[in-house]
Protein backbone atom coordinates (compact mmCIF):
# COMPACT_ATOMS: atom_id res chain seq x y z
CA UNK A 1 0.00 0.00 0.00
CA UNK A 2 1.35 3.42 -0.96
CA UNK A 3 1.86 5.95 1.78
CA UNK A 4 1.03 9.62 1.08
CA UNK A 5 3.70 12.17 1.97
CA UNK A 6 2.93 15.57 3.50
CA UNK A 7 2.85 17.59 0.23
CA UNK A 8 0.84 14.92 -1.62
CA UNK A 9 -1.66 14.68 1.23
CA UNK A 10 -2.00 18.48 1.35
CA UNK A 11 -2.64 18.61 -2.42
CA UNK A 12 -5.27 15.87 -2.17
CA UNK A 13 -7.02 17.70 0.67
CA UNK A 14 -6.94 20.99 -1.26
CA UNK A 15 -8.46 19.37 -4.36
CA UNK A 16 -11.19 17.70 -2.29
CA UNK A 17 -12.15 20.99 -0.61
CA UNK A 18 -12.11 22.77 -3.98
CA UNK A 19 -14.49 20.23 -5.54
CA UNK A 20 -16.84 20.39 -2.56
CA UNK A 21 -16.94 24.20 -2.68
CA UNK A 22 -17.72 24.28 -6.41
CA UNK A 23 -20.47 21.70 -6.05
CA UNK A 24 -22.21 23.43 -3.15
CA UNK A 25 -22.12 26.84 -4.83
CA UNK A 26 -23.69 25.40 -7.98
CA UNK A 27 -26.45 23.76 -5.92
CA UNK A 28 -27.21 26.98 -4.06
CA UNK A 29 -28.02 28.85 -7.27
CA UNK A 30 -31.65 29.31 -8.34
CA UNK A 31 -32.01 28.83 -12.07
CA UNK A 32 -35.79 29.15 -12.18
CA UNK A 33 -38.60 30.15 -9.85
CA UNK A 34 -40.75 27.66 -8.00
CA UNK A 35 -44.40 27.61 -8.94
CA UNK A 36 -47.12 28.39 -6.44
CA UNK A 37 -47.16 30.23 -3.14
CA UNK A 38 -45.23 29.04 -0.09
CA UNK A 39 -47.24 29.18 3.13
CA UNK A 40 -45.64 31.60 5.60
CA UNK A 41 -45.87 29.10 8.45
CA UNK A 42 -43.32 26.90 6.65
CA UNK A 43 -40.69 29.66 6.23
CA UNK A 44 -37.73 29.80 8.63
CA UNK A 45 -35.75 32.53 6.82
CA UNK A 46 -34.53 33.72 3.45
CA UNK A 47 -31.48 34.63 1.37
CA UNK A 48 -31.16 37.06 -1.50
CA UNK A 49 -29.63 35.90 -4.78
CA UNK A 50 -28.44 38.51 -7.25
CA UNK A 51 -27.50 37.96 -10.87
CA UNK A 52 -24.02 36.45 -11.14
CA UNK A 53 -22.13 34.53 -13.79
CA UNK A 54 -23.65 31.20 -12.77
CA UNK A 55 -26.89 32.54 -11.28
CA UNK A 56 -28.76 34.13 -14.15
CA UNK A 57 -31.80 35.39 -12.19
CA UNK A 58 -32.47 37.54 -9.16
CA UNK A 59 -34.30 35.45 -6.58
CA UNK A 60 -35.38 35.20 -2.99
CA UNK A 61 -34.43 31.81 -1.56
CA UNK A 62 -36.82 30.89 1.23
CA UNK A 63 -35.44 28.39 3.77
CA UNK A 64 -38.18 26.16 5.14
CA UNK A 65 -38.50 24.50 8.53
CA UNK A 66 -38.03 21.12 6.84
CA UNK A 67 -34.67 22.18 5.34
CA UNK A 68 -35.82 22.85 1.78
CA UNK A 69 -34.80 25.90 -0.26
CA UNK A 70 -37.54 27.44 -2.39
CA UNK A 71 -36.64 29.88 -5.18
CA UNK A 72 -39.13 32.73 -5.52
CA UNK A 73 -39.54 35.69 -7.84
CA UNK A 74 -38.81 38.89 -5.86
CA UNK A 75 -41.32 40.80 -8.02
CA UNK A 76 -44.28 38.74 -6.80
CA UNK A 77 -46.51 40.25 -4.14
CA UNK A 78 -46.58 37.18 -1.86
CA UNK A 79 -42.76 37.14 -1.80
CA UNK A 80 -42.53 40.77 -0.68
CA UNK A 81 -45.29 40.21 1.89
CA UNK A 82 -43.46 37.18 3.32
CA UNK A 83 -40.21 39.14 3.60
CA UNK A 84 -42.03 41.99 5.35
CA UNK A 85 -43.66 39.55 7.78
CA UNK A 86 -40.25 37.98 8.55
CA UNK A 87 -38.77 41.42 9.20
CA UNK A 88 -41.62 42.26 11.57
CA UNK A 89 -41.10 38.95 13.35
CA UNK A 90 -37.41 39.80 13.86
CA UNK A 91 -38.27 43.29 15.17
CA UNK A 92 -40.68 41.78 17.68
CA UNK A 93 -38.06 39.29 18.84
CA UNK A 94 -35.46 42.05 19.22
CA UNK A 95 -37.85 44.16 21.32
CA UNK A 96 -38.53 41.21 23.62
CA UNK A 97 -34.79 40.58 24.06
CA UNK A 98 -33.97 44.21 24.86
CA UNK A 99 -36.67 44.35 27.57
CA UNK A 100 -35.12 41.44 29.45
PDB file of N, CA and C in Angstrom:
ATOM      1  N   UNK A   1       0.839  -1.175   0.000  1.00  0.00           N
ATOM      2  CA  UNK A   1       0.000   0.000   0.000  1.00  0.00           C
ATOM      3  C   UNK A   1       0.886   1.241   0.000  1.00  0.00           C
ATOM      4  N   UNK A   2       0.551   2.204  -0.834  1.00  0.00           N
ATOM      5  CA  UNK A   2       1.346   3.424  -0.955  1.00  0.00           C
ATOM      6  C   UNK A   2       1.003   4.394   0.165  1.00  0.00           C
ATOM      7  N   UNK A   3       2.057   4.997   0.688  1.00  0.00           N
ATOM      8  CA  UNK A   3       1.861   5.951   1.777  1.00  0.00           C
ATOM      9  C   UNK A   3       1.971   7.367   1.218  1.00  0.00           C
ATOM     10  N   UNK A   4       1.016   8.238   1.564  1.00  0.00           N
ATOM     11  CA  UNK A   4       1.035   9.616   1.082  1.00  0.00           C
ATOM     12  C   UNK A   4       1.978  10.452   1.932  1.00  0.00           C
ATOM     13  N   UNK A   5       2.792  11.261   1.260  1.00  0.00           N
ATOM     14  CA  UNK A   5       3.697  12.167   1.966  1.00  0.00           C
ATOM     15  C   UNK A   5       2.952  13.458   2.289  1.00  0.00           C
ATOM     16  N   UNK A   6       3.554  14.307   3.081  1.00  0.00           N
ATOM     17  CA  UNK A   6       2.931  15.570   3.498  1.00  0.00           C
ATOM     18  C   UNK A   6       2.436  16.424   2.338  1.00  0.00           C
ATOM     19  N   UNK A   7       3.306  16.758   1.349  1.00  0.00           N
ATOM     20  CA  UNK A   7       2.848  17.592   0.231  1.00  0.00           C
ATOM     21  C   UNK A   7       1.750  16.919  -0.606  1.00  0.00           C
ATOM     22  N   UNK A   8       1.853  15.623  -0.828  1.00  0.00           N
ATOM     23  CA  UNK A   8       0.839  14.918  -1.621  1.00  0.00           C
ATOM     24  C   UNK A   8      -0.495  14.900  -0.885  1.00  0.00           C
ATOM     25  N   UNK A   9      -0.447  14.693   0.422  1.00  0.00           N
ATOM     26  CA  UNK A   9      -1.663  14.685   1.229  1.00  0.00           C
ATOM     27  C   UNK A   9      -2.306  16.071   1.250  1.00  0.00           C
ATOM     28  N   UNK A  10      -1.487  17.109   1.351  1.00  0.00           N
ATOM     29  CA  UNK A  10      -2.000  18.481   1.349  1.00  0.00           C
ATOM     30  C   UNK A  10      -2.670  18.809   0.015  1.00  0.00           C
ATOM     31  N   UNK A  11      -2.069  18.372  -1.091  1.00  0.00           N
ATOM     32  CA  UNK A  11      -2.643  18.606  -2.416  1.00  0.00           C
ATOM     33  C   UNK A  11      -3.979  17.875  -2.557  1.00  0.00           C
ATOM     34  N   UNK A  12      -4.034  16.639  -2.100  1.00  0.00           N
ATOM     35  CA  UNK A  12      -5.271  15.865  -2.166  1.00  0.00           C
ATOM     36  C   UNK A  12      -6.378  16.535  -1.352  1.00  0.00           C
ATOM     37  N   UNK A  13      -6.048  17.016  -0.174  1.00  0.00           N
ATOM     38  CA  UNK A  13      -7.017  17.701   0.674  1.00  0.00           C
ATOM     39  C   UNK A  13      -7.506  18.989   0.011  1.00  0.00           C
ATOM     40  N   UNK A  14      -6.589  19.748  -0.578  1.00  0.00           N
ATOM     41  CA  UNK A  14      -6.944  20.992  -1.257  1.00  0.00           C
ATOM     42  C   UNK A  14      -7.883  20.736  -2.432  1.00  0.00           C
ATOM     43  N   UNK A  15      -7.604  19.711  -3.219  1.00  0.00           N
ATOM     44  CA  UNK A  15      -8.460  19.367  -4.357  1.00  0.00           C
ATOM     45  C   UNK A  15      -9.848  18.921  -3.895  1.00  0.00           C
ATOM     46  N   UNK A  16      -9.901  18.162  -2.826  1.00  0.00           N
ATOM     47  CA  UNK A  16     -11.187  17.703  -2.293  1.00  0.00           C
ATOM     48  C   UNK A  16     -12.032  18.879  -1.827  1.00  0.00           C
ATOM     49  N   UNK A  17     -11.435  19.803  -1.090  1.00  0.00           N
ATOM     50  CA  UNK A  17     -12.155  20.985  -0.612  1.00  0.00           C
ATOM     51  C   UNK A  17     -12.616  21.839  -1.787  1.00  0.00           C
ATOM     52  N   UNK A  18     -11.766  21.981  -2.799  1.00  0.00           N
ATOM     53  CA  UNK A  18     -12.113  22.765  -3.983  1.00  0.00           C
ATOM     54  C   UNK A  18     -13.322  22.182  -4.703  1.00  0.00           C
ATOM     55  N   UNK A  19     -13.353  20.877  -4.881  1.00  0.00           N
ATOM     56  CA  UNK A  19     -14.486  20.229  -5.544  1.00  0.00           C
ATOM     57  C   UNK A  19     -15.762  20.392  -4.735  1.00  0.00           C
ATOM     58  N   UNK A  20     -15.664  20.247  -3.425  1.00  0.00           N
ATOM     59  CA  UNK A  20     -16.835  20.390  -2.562  1.00  0.00           C
ATOM     60  C   UNK A  20     -17.394  21.808  -2.640  1.00  0.00           C
ATOM     61  N   UNK A  21     -16.514  22.810  -2.623  1.00  0.00           N
ATOM     62  CA  UNK A  21     -16.939  24.205  -2.680  1.00  0.00           C
ATOM     63  C   UNK A  21     -17.638  24.512  -3.992  1.00  0.00           C
ATOM     64  N   UNK A  22     -17.099  24.036  -5.110  1.00  0.00           N
ATOM     65  CA  UNK A  22     -17.716  24.282  -6.412  1.00  0.00           C
ATOM     66  C   UNK A  22     -19.081  23.620  -6.490  1.00  0.00           C
ATOM     67  N   UNK A  23     -19.204  22.428  -5.977  1.00  0.00           N
ATOM     68  CA  UNK A  23     -20.468  21.701  -6.048  1.00  0.00           C
ATOM     69  C   UNK A  23     -21.541  22.370  -5.202  1.00  0.00           C
ATOM     70  N   UNK A  24     -21.198  22.810  -4.004  1.00  0.00           N
ATOM     71  CA  UNK A  24     -22.215  23.430  -3.154  1.00  0.00           C
ATOM     72  C   UNK A  24     -22.634  24.784  -3.692  1.00  0.00           C
ATOM     73  N   UNK A  25     -21.722  25.547  -4.299  1.00  0.00           N
ATOM     74  CA  UNK A  25     -22.124  26.844  -4.831  1.00  0.00           C
ATOM     75  C   UNK A  25     -23.035  26.677  -6.030  1.00  0.00           C
ATOM     76  N   UNK A  26     -22.822  25.648  -6.832  1.00  0.00           N
ATOM     77  CA  UNK A  26     -23.693  25.400  -7.978  1.00  0.00           C
ATOM     78  C   UNK A  26     -25.080  24.977  -7.507  1.00  0.00           C
ATOM     79  N   UNK A  27     -25.159  24.206  -6.432  1.00  0.00           N
ATOM     80  CA  UNK A  27     -26.447  23.760  -5.924  1.00  0.00           C
ATOM     81  C   UNK A  27     -27.229  24.899  -5.284  1.00  0.00           C
ATOM     82  N   UNK A  28     -26.546  25.896  -4.765  1.00  0.00           N
ATOM     83  CA  UNK A  28     -27.212  26.980  -4.064  1.00  0.00           C
ATOM     84  C   UNK A  28     -27.780  28.026  -5.012  1.00  0.00           C
ATOM     85  N   UNK A  29     -27.595  27.862  -6.293  1.00  0.00           N
ATOM     86  CA  UNK A  29     -28.022  28.851  -7.272  1.00  0.00           C
ATOM     87  C   UNK A  29     -29.406  28.516  -7.825  1.00  0.00           C
ATOM     88  N   UNK A  30     -30.318  29.480  -7.735  1.00  0.00           N
ATOM     89  CA  UNK A  30     -31.647  29.308  -8.338  1.00  0.00           C
ATOM     90  C   UNK A  30     -31.538  29.571  -9.836  1.00  0.00           C
ATOM     91  N   UNK A  31     -32.020  28.649 -10.613  1.00  0.00           N
ATOM     92  CA  UNK A  31     -32.010  28.832 -12.067  1.00  0.00           C
ATOM     93  C   UNK A  31     -33.393  29.113 -12.618  1.00  0.00           C
ATOM     94  N   UNK A  32     -34.417  28.816 -11.809  1.00  0.00           N
ATOM     95  CA  UNK A  32     -35.794  29.146 -12.177  1.00  0.00           C
ATOM     96  C   UNK A  32     -36.596  29.299 -10.891  1.00  0.00           C
ATOM     97  N   UNK A  33     -37.749  29.926 -11.015  1.00  0.00           N
ATOM     98  CA  UNK A  33     -38.601  30.150  -9.855  1.00  0.00           C
ATOM     99  C   UNK A  33     -39.520  28.961  -9.616  1.00  0.00           C
ATOM    100  N   UNK A  34     -39.790  28.695  -8.355  1.00  0.00           N
ATOM    101  CA  UNK A  34     -40.752  27.655  -7.998  1.00  0.00           C
ATOM    102  C   UNK A  34     -42.156  28.160  -8.312  1.00  0.00           C
ATOM    103  N   UNK A  35     -43.016  27.240  -8.647  1.00  0.00           N
ATOM    104  CA  UNK A  35     -44.405  27.614  -8.937  1.00  0.00           C
ATOM    105  C   UNK A  35     -45.210  27.589  -7.649  1.00  0.00           C
ATOM    106  N   UNK A  36     -46.250  28.388  -7.601  1.00  0.00           N
ATOM    107  CA  UNK A  36     -47.123  28.388  -6.441  1.00  0.00           C
ATOM    108  C   UNK A  36     -46.645  29.325  -5.351  1.00  0.00           C
ATOM    109  N   UNK A  37     -47.419  29.361  -4.287  1.00  0.00           N
ATOM    110  CA  UNK A  37     -47.156  30.231  -3.144  1.00  0.00           C
ATOM    111  C   UNK A  37     -46.765  29.368  -1.952  1.00  0.00           C
ATOM    112  N   UNK A  38     -45.701  29.754  -1.271  1.00  0.00           N
ATOM    113  CA  UNK A  38     -45.235  29.038  -0.087  1.00  0.00           C
ATOM    114  C   UNK A  38     -45.943  29.600   1.141  1.00  0.00           C
ATOM    115  N   UNK A  39     -46.544  28.744   1.927  1.00  0.00           N
ATOM    116  CA  UNK A  39     -47.242  29.177   3.133  1.00  0.00           C
ATOM    117  C   UNK A  39     -46.238  29.755   4.130  1.00  0.00           C
ATOM    118  N   UNK A  40     -46.562  30.914   4.693  1.00  0.00           N
ATOM    119  CA  UNK A  40     -45.644  31.603   5.597  1.00  0.00           C
ATOM    120  C   UNK A  40     -45.259  30.756   6.804  1.00  0.00           C
ATOM    121  N   UNK A  41     -46.153  29.916   7.263  1.00  0.00           N
ATOM    122  CA  UNK A  41     -45.870  29.101   8.454  1.00  0.00           C
ATOM    123  C   UNK A  41     -44.742  28.092   8.223  1.00  0.00           C
ATOM    124  N   UNK A  42     -44.390  27.846   6.970  1.00  0.00           N
ATOM    125  CA  UNK A  42     -43.317  26.902   6.649  1.00  0.00           C
ATOM    126  C   UNK A  42     -41.948  27.584   6.525  1.00  0.00           C
ATOM    127  N   UNK A  43     -41.928  28.916   6.495  1.00  0.00           N
ATOM    128  CA  UNK A  43     -40.691  29.658   6.233  1.00  0.00           C
ATOM    129  C   UNK A  43     -39.916  29.893   7.523  1.00  0.00           C
ATOM    130  N   UNK A  44     -38.626  29.556   7.492  1.00  0.00           N
ATOM    131  CA  UNK A  44     -37.734  29.804   8.626  1.00  0.00           C
ATOM    132  C   UNK A  44     -36.933  31.094   8.399  1.00  0.00           C
ATOM    133  N   UNK A  45     -36.549  31.350   7.152  1.00  0.00           N
ATOM    134  CA  UNK A  45     -35.752  32.527   6.822  1.00  0.00           C
ATOM    135  C   UNK A  45     -35.607  32.642   5.318  1.00  0.00           C
ATOM    136  N   UNK A  46     -34.730  33.548   4.886  1.00  0.00           N
ATOM    137  CA  UNK A  46     -34.528  33.716   3.451  1.00  0.00           C
ATOM    138  C   UNK A  46     -33.132  34.245   3.153  1.00  0.00           C
ATOM    139  N   UNK A  47     -32.723  34.073   1.895  1.00  0.00           N
ATOM    140  CA  UNK A  47     -31.478  34.625   1.374  1.00  0.00           C
ATOM    141  C   UNK A  47     -31.816  35.378   0.099  1.00  0.00           C
ATOM    142  N   UNK A  48     -30.958  36.300  -0.266  1.00  0.00           N
ATOM    143  CA  UNK A  48     -31.158  37.056  -1.496  1.00  0.00           C
ATOM    144  C   UNK A  48     -30.104  36.626  -2.501  1.00  0.00           C
ATOM    145  N   UNK A  49     -30.549  36.257  -3.693  1.00  0.00           N
ATOM    146  CA  UNK A  49     -29.633  35.897  -4.778  1.00  0.00           C
ATOM    147  C   UNK A  49     -29.678  37.005  -5.820  1.00  0.00           C
ATOM    148  N   UNK A  50     -28.512  37.512  -6.179  1.00  0.00           N
ATOM    149  CA  UNK A  50     -28.444  38.507  -7.247  1.00  0.00           C
ATOM    150  C   UNK A  50     -27.817  37.871  -8.479  1.00  0.00           C
ATOM    151  N   UNK A  51     -28.013  38.501  -9.614  1.00  0.00           N
ATOM    152  CA  UNK A  51     -27.501  37.963 -10.869  1.00  0.00           C
ATOM    153  C   UNK A  51     -25.976  37.879 -10.800  1.00  0.00           C
ATOM    154  N   UNK A  52     -25.462  36.689 -11.098  1.00  0.00           N
ATOM    155  CA  UNK A  52     -24.017  36.445 -11.145  1.00  0.00           C
ATOM    156  C   UNK A  52     -23.725  35.697 -12.431  1.00  0.00           C
ATOM    157  N   UNK A  53     -22.491  35.284 -12.602  1.00  0.00           N
ATOM    158  CA  UNK A  53     -22.128  34.526 -13.795  1.00  0.00           C
ATOM    159  C   UNK A  53     -22.910  33.226 -13.880  1.00  0.00           C
ATOM    160  N   UNK A  54     -22.961  32.491 -12.785  1.00  0.00           N
ATOM    161  CA  UNK A  54     -23.655  31.205 -12.773  1.00  0.00           C
ATOM    162  C   UNK A  54     -25.148  31.399 -12.537  1.00  0.00           C
ATOM    163  N   UNK A  55     -25.482  32.287 -11.626  1.00  0.00           N
ATOM    164  CA  UNK A  55     -26.886  32.538 -11.282  1.00  0.00           C
ATOM    165  C   UNK A  55     -27.434  33.610 -12.217  1.00  0.00           C
ATOM    166  N   UNK A  56     -28.300  33.217 -13.100  1.00  0.00           N
ATOM    167  CA  UNK A  56     -28.763  34.128 -14.150  1.00  0.00           C
ATOM    168  C   UNK A  56     -30.012  34.922 -13.776  1.00  0.00           C
ATOM    169  N   UNK A  57     -30.592  34.665 -12.595  1.00  0.00           N
ATOM    170  CA  UNK A  57     -31.798  35.390 -12.189  1.00  0.00           C
ATOM    171  C   UNK A  57     -31.651  35.936 -10.771  1.00  0.00           C
ATOM    172  N   UNK A  58     -32.330  37.055 -10.529  1.00  0.00           N
ATOM    173  CA  UNK A  58     -32.466  37.538  -9.156  1.00  0.00           C
ATOM    174  C   UNK A  58     -33.539  36.684  -8.497  1.00  0.00           C
ATOM    175  N   UNK A  59     -33.320  36.301  -7.260  1.00  0.00           N
ATOM    176  CA  UNK A  59     -34.298  35.448  -6.585  1.00  0.00           C
ATOM    177  C   UNK A  59     -34.229  35.642  -5.078  1.00  0.00           C
ATOM    178  N   UNK A  60     -35.335  35.335  -4.445  1.00  0.00           N
ATOM    179  CA  UNK A  60     -35.381  35.202  -2.993  1.00  0.00           C
ATOM    180  C   UNK A  60     -35.399  33.703  -2.726  1.00  0.00           C
ATOM    181  N   UNK A  61     -34.486  33.236  -1.895  1.00  0.00           N
ATOM    182  CA  UNK A  61     -34.435  31.815  -1.555  1.00  0.00           C
ATOM    183  C   UNK A  61     -34.999  31.669  -0.145  1.00  0.00           C
ATOM    184  N   UNK A  62     -36.203  31.126  -0.071  1.00  0.00           N
ATOM    185  CA  UNK A  62     -36.818  30.893   1.235  1.00  0.00           C
ATOM    186  C   UNK A  62     -36.297  29.575   1.792  1.00  0.00           C
ATOM    187  N   UNK A  63     -35.911  29.591   3.070  1.00  0.00           N
ATOM    188  CA  UNK A  63     -35.442  28.394   3.765  1.00  0.00           C
ATOM    189  C   UNK A  63     -36.602  27.911   4.636  1.00  0.00           C
ATOM    190  N   UNK A  64     -37.014  26.674   4.423  1.00  0.00           N
ATOM    191  CA  UNK A  64     -38.180  26.159   5.144  1.00  0.00           C
ATOM    192  C   UNK A  64     -37.767  25.444   6.428  1.00  0.00           C
ATOM    193  N   UNK A  65     -38.740  25.197   7.265  1.00  0.00           N
ATOM    194  CA  UNK A  65     -38.502  24.501   8.531  1.00  0.00           C
ATOM    195  C   UNK A  65     -38.099  23.048   8.317  1.00  0.00           C
ATOM    196  N   UNK A  66     -38.411  22.505   7.142  1.00  0.00           N
ATOM    197  CA  UNK A  66     -38.031  21.119   6.836  1.00  0.00           C
ATOM    198  C   UNK A  66     -36.682  21.032   6.129  1.00  0.00           C
ATOM    199  N   UNK A  67     -35.999  22.186   5.939  1.00  0.00           N
ATOM    200  CA  UNK A  67     -34.672  22.177   5.344  1.00  0.00           C
ATOM    201  C   UNK A  67     -34.636  22.370   3.835  1.00  0.00           C
ATOM    202  N   UNK A  68     -35.786  22.618   3.225  1.00  0.00           N
ATOM    203  CA  UNK A  68     -35.819  22.852   1.777  1.00  0.00           C
ATOM    204  C   UNK A  68     -35.498  24.303   1.469  1.00  0.00           C
ATOM    205  N   UNK A  69     -34.996  24.550   0.254  1.00  0.00           N
ATOM    206  CA  UNK A  69     -34.801  25.898  -0.256  1.00  0.00           C
ATOM    207  C   UNK A  69     -35.763  26.092  -1.414  1.00  0.00           C
ATOM    208  N   UNK A  70     -36.541  27.163  -1.368  1.00  0.00           N
ATOM    209  CA  UNK A  70     -37.539  27.438  -2.392  1.00  0.00           C
ATOM    210  C   UNK A  70     -37.182  28.750  -3.076  1.00  0.00           C
ATOM    211  N   UNK A  71     -37.006  28.700  -4.394  1.00  0.00           N
ATOM    212  CA  UNK A  71     -36.642  29.876  -5.179  1.00  0.00           C
ATOM    213  C   UNK A  71     -37.900  30.641  -5.566  1.00  0.00           C
ATOM    214  N   UNK A  72     -37.936  31.929  -5.244  1.00  0.00           N
ATOM    215  CA  UNK A  72     -39.128  32.731  -5.515  1.00  0.00           C
ATOM    216  C   UNK A  72     -38.762  34.004  -6.273  1.00  0.00           C
ATOM    217  N   UNK A  73     -39.709  34.470  -7.062  1.00  0.00           N
ATOM    218  CA  UNK A  73     -39.542  35.690  -7.844  1.00  0.00           C
ATOM    219  C   UNK A  73     -39.731  36.898  -6.924  1.00  0.00           C
ATOM    220  N   UNK A  74     -38.697  37.748  -6.775  1.00  0.00           N
ATOM    221  CA  UNK A  74     -38.805  38.888  -5.862  1.00  0.00           C
ATOM    222  C   UNK A  74     -39.848  39.916  -6.296  1.00  0.00           C
ATOM    223  N   UNK A  75     -40.314  39.851  -7.533  1.00  0.00           N
ATOM    224  CA  UNK A  75     -41.316  40.802  -8.015  1.00  0.00           C
ATOM    225  C   UNK A  75     -42.741  40.403  -7.629  1.00  0.00           C
ATOM    226  N   UNK A  76     -42.932  39.185  -7.148  1.00  0.00           N
ATOM    227  CA  UNK A  76     -44.281  38.738  -6.802  1.00  0.00           C
ATOM    228  C   UNK A  76     -44.705  39.297  -5.445  1.00  0.00           C
ATOM    229  N   UNK A  77     -45.967  39.636  -5.351  1.00  0.00           N
ATOM    230  CA  UNK A  77     -46.514  40.250  -4.138  1.00  0.00           C
ATOM    231  C   UNK A  77     -46.354  39.358  -2.914  1.00  0.00           C
ATOM    232  N   UNK A  78     -46.650  38.070  -3.027  1.00  0.00           N
ATOM    233  CA  UNK A  78     -46.577  37.178  -1.863  1.00  0.00           C
ATOM    234  C   UNK A  78     -45.158  37.075  -1.323  1.00  0.00           C
ATOM    235  N   UNK A  79     -44.169  37.208  -2.217  1.00  0.00           N
ATOM    236  CA  UNK A  79     -42.762  37.136  -1.796  1.00  0.00           C
ATOM    237  C   UNK A  79     -42.422  38.358  -0.948  1.00  0.00           C
ATOM    238  N   UNK A  80     -42.795  39.547  -1.431  1.00  0.00           N
ATOM    239  CA  UNK A  80     -42.529  40.775  -0.684  1.00  0.00           C
ATOM    240  C   UNK A  80     -43.287  40.787   0.647  1.00  0.00           C
ATOM    241  N   UNK A  81     -44.513  40.277   0.649  1.00  0.00           N
ATOM    242  CA  UNK A  81     -45.288  40.211   1.892  1.00  0.00           C
ATOM    243  C   UNK A  81     -44.634  39.264   2.904  1.00  0.00           C
ATOM    244  N   UNK A  82     -44.132  38.142   2.425  1.00  0.00           N
ATOM    245  CA  UNK A  82     -43.465  37.181   3.320  1.00  0.00           C
ATOM    246  C   UNK A  82     -42.197  37.777   3.916  1.00  0.00           C
ATOM    247  N   UNK A  83     -41.433  38.496   3.100  1.00  0.00           N
ATOM    248  CA  UNK A  83     -40.211  39.144   3.595  1.00  0.00           C
ATOM    249  C   UNK A  83     -40.568  40.184   4.653  1.00  0.00           C
ATOM    250  N   UNK A  84     -41.605  40.973   4.388  1.00  0.00           N
ATOM    251  CA  UNK A  84     -42.031  41.987   5.353  1.00  0.00           C
ATOM    252  C   UNK A  84     -42.471  41.342   6.667  1.00  0.00           C
ATOM    253  N   UNK A  85     -43.203  40.249   6.572  1.00  0.00           N
ATOM    254  CA  UNK A  85     -43.655  39.548   7.782  1.00  0.00           C
ATOM    255  C   UNK A  85     -42.467  38.985   8.565  1.00  0.00           C
ATOM    256  N   UNK A  86     -41.453  38.475   7.870  1.00  0.00           N
ATOM    257  CA  UNK A  86     -40.251  37.977   8.548  1.00  0.00           C
ATOM    258  C   UNK A  86     -39.516  39.114   9.248  1.00  0.00           C
ATOM    259  N   UNK A  87     -39.431  40.265   8.589  1.00  0.00           N
ATOM    260  CA  UNK A  87     -38.768  41.424   9.200  1.00  0.00           C
ATOM    261  C   UNK A  87     -39.505  41.876  10.463  1.00  0.00           C
ATOM    262  N   UNK A  88     -40.828  41.886  10.393  1.00  0.00           N
ATOM    263  CA  UNK A  88     -41.623  42.262  11.567  1.00  0.00           C
ATOM    264  C   UNK A  88     -41.419  41.263  12.707  1.00  0.00           C
ATOM    265  N   UNK A  89     -41.331  40.001  12.354  1.00  0.00           N
ATOM    266  CA  UNK A  89     -41.103  38.952  13.352  1.00  0.00           C
ATOM    267  C   UNK A  89     -39.756  39.167  14.059  1.00  0.00           C
ATOM    268  N   UNK A  90     -38.737  39.538  13.292  1.00  0.00           N
ATOM    269  CA  UNK A  90     -37.409  39.803  13.864  1.00  0.00           C
ATOM    270  C   UNK A  90     -37.460  41.027  14.776  1.00  0.00           C
ATOM    271  N   UNK A  91     -38.150  42.083  14.335  1.00  0.00           N
ATOM    272  CA  UNK A  91     -38.271  43.292  15.168  1.00  0.00           C
ATOM    273  C   UNK A  91     -38.928  42.971  16.506  1.00  0.00           C
ATOM    274  N   UNK A  92     -39.979  42.171  16.460  1.00  0.00           N
ATOM    275  CA  UNK A  92     -40.681  41.779  17.684  1.00  0.00           C
ATOM    276  C   UNK A  92     -39.759  40.994  18.609  1.00  0.00           C
ATOM    277  N   UNK A  93     -38.991  40.086  18.038  1.00  0.00           N
ATOM    278  CA  UNK A  93     -38.058  39.287  18.840  1.00  0.00           C
ATOM    279  C   UNK A  93     -36.986  40.168  19.465  1.00  0.00           C
ATOM    280  N   UNK A  94     -36.502  41.154  18.705  1.00  0.00           N
ATOM    281  CA  UNK A  94     -35.464  42.048  19.222  1.00  0.00           C
ATOM    282  C   UNK A  94     -36.005  42.897  20.372  1.00  0.00           C
ATOM    283  N   UNK A  95     -37.246  43.362  20.243  1.00  0.00           N
ATOM    284  CA  UNK A  95     -37.849  44.161  21.316  1.00  0.00           C
ATOM    285  C   UNK A  95     -37.983  43.343  22.592  1.00  0.00           C
ATOM    286  N   UNK A  96     -38.394  42.083  22.454  1.00  0.00           N
ATOM    287  CA  UNK A  96     -38.530  41.207  23.620  1.00  0.00           C
ATOM    288  C   UNK A  96     -37.181  40.992  24.295  1.00  0.00           C
ATOM    289  N   UNK A  97     -36.122  40.829  23.502  1.00  0.00           N
ATOM    290  CA  UNK A  97     -34.789  40.580  24.059  1.00  0.00           C
ATOM    291  C   UNK A  97     -34.211  41.812  24.739  1.00  0.00           C
ATOM    292  N   UNK A  98     -34.516  43.008  24.240  1.00  0.00           N
ATOM    293  CA  UNK A  98     -33.967  44.211  24.862  1.00  0.00           C
ATOM    294  C   UNK A  98     -34.685  44.556  26.162  1.00  0.00           C
ATOM    295  N   UNK A  99     -35.927  44.101  26.331  1.00  0.00           N
ATOM    296  CA  UNK A  99     -36.674  44.350  27.568  1.00  0.00           C
ATOM    297  C   UNK A  99     -36.187  43.477  28.710  1.00  0.00           C
ATOM    298  N   UNK A 100     -35.558  42.376  28.401  1.00  0.00           N
ATOM    299  CA  UNK A 100     -35.119  41.439  29.448  1.00  0.00           C
ATOM    300  C   UNK A 100     -33.844  41.859  30.088  1.00  0.00           C
TER     301      UNK A 100
END
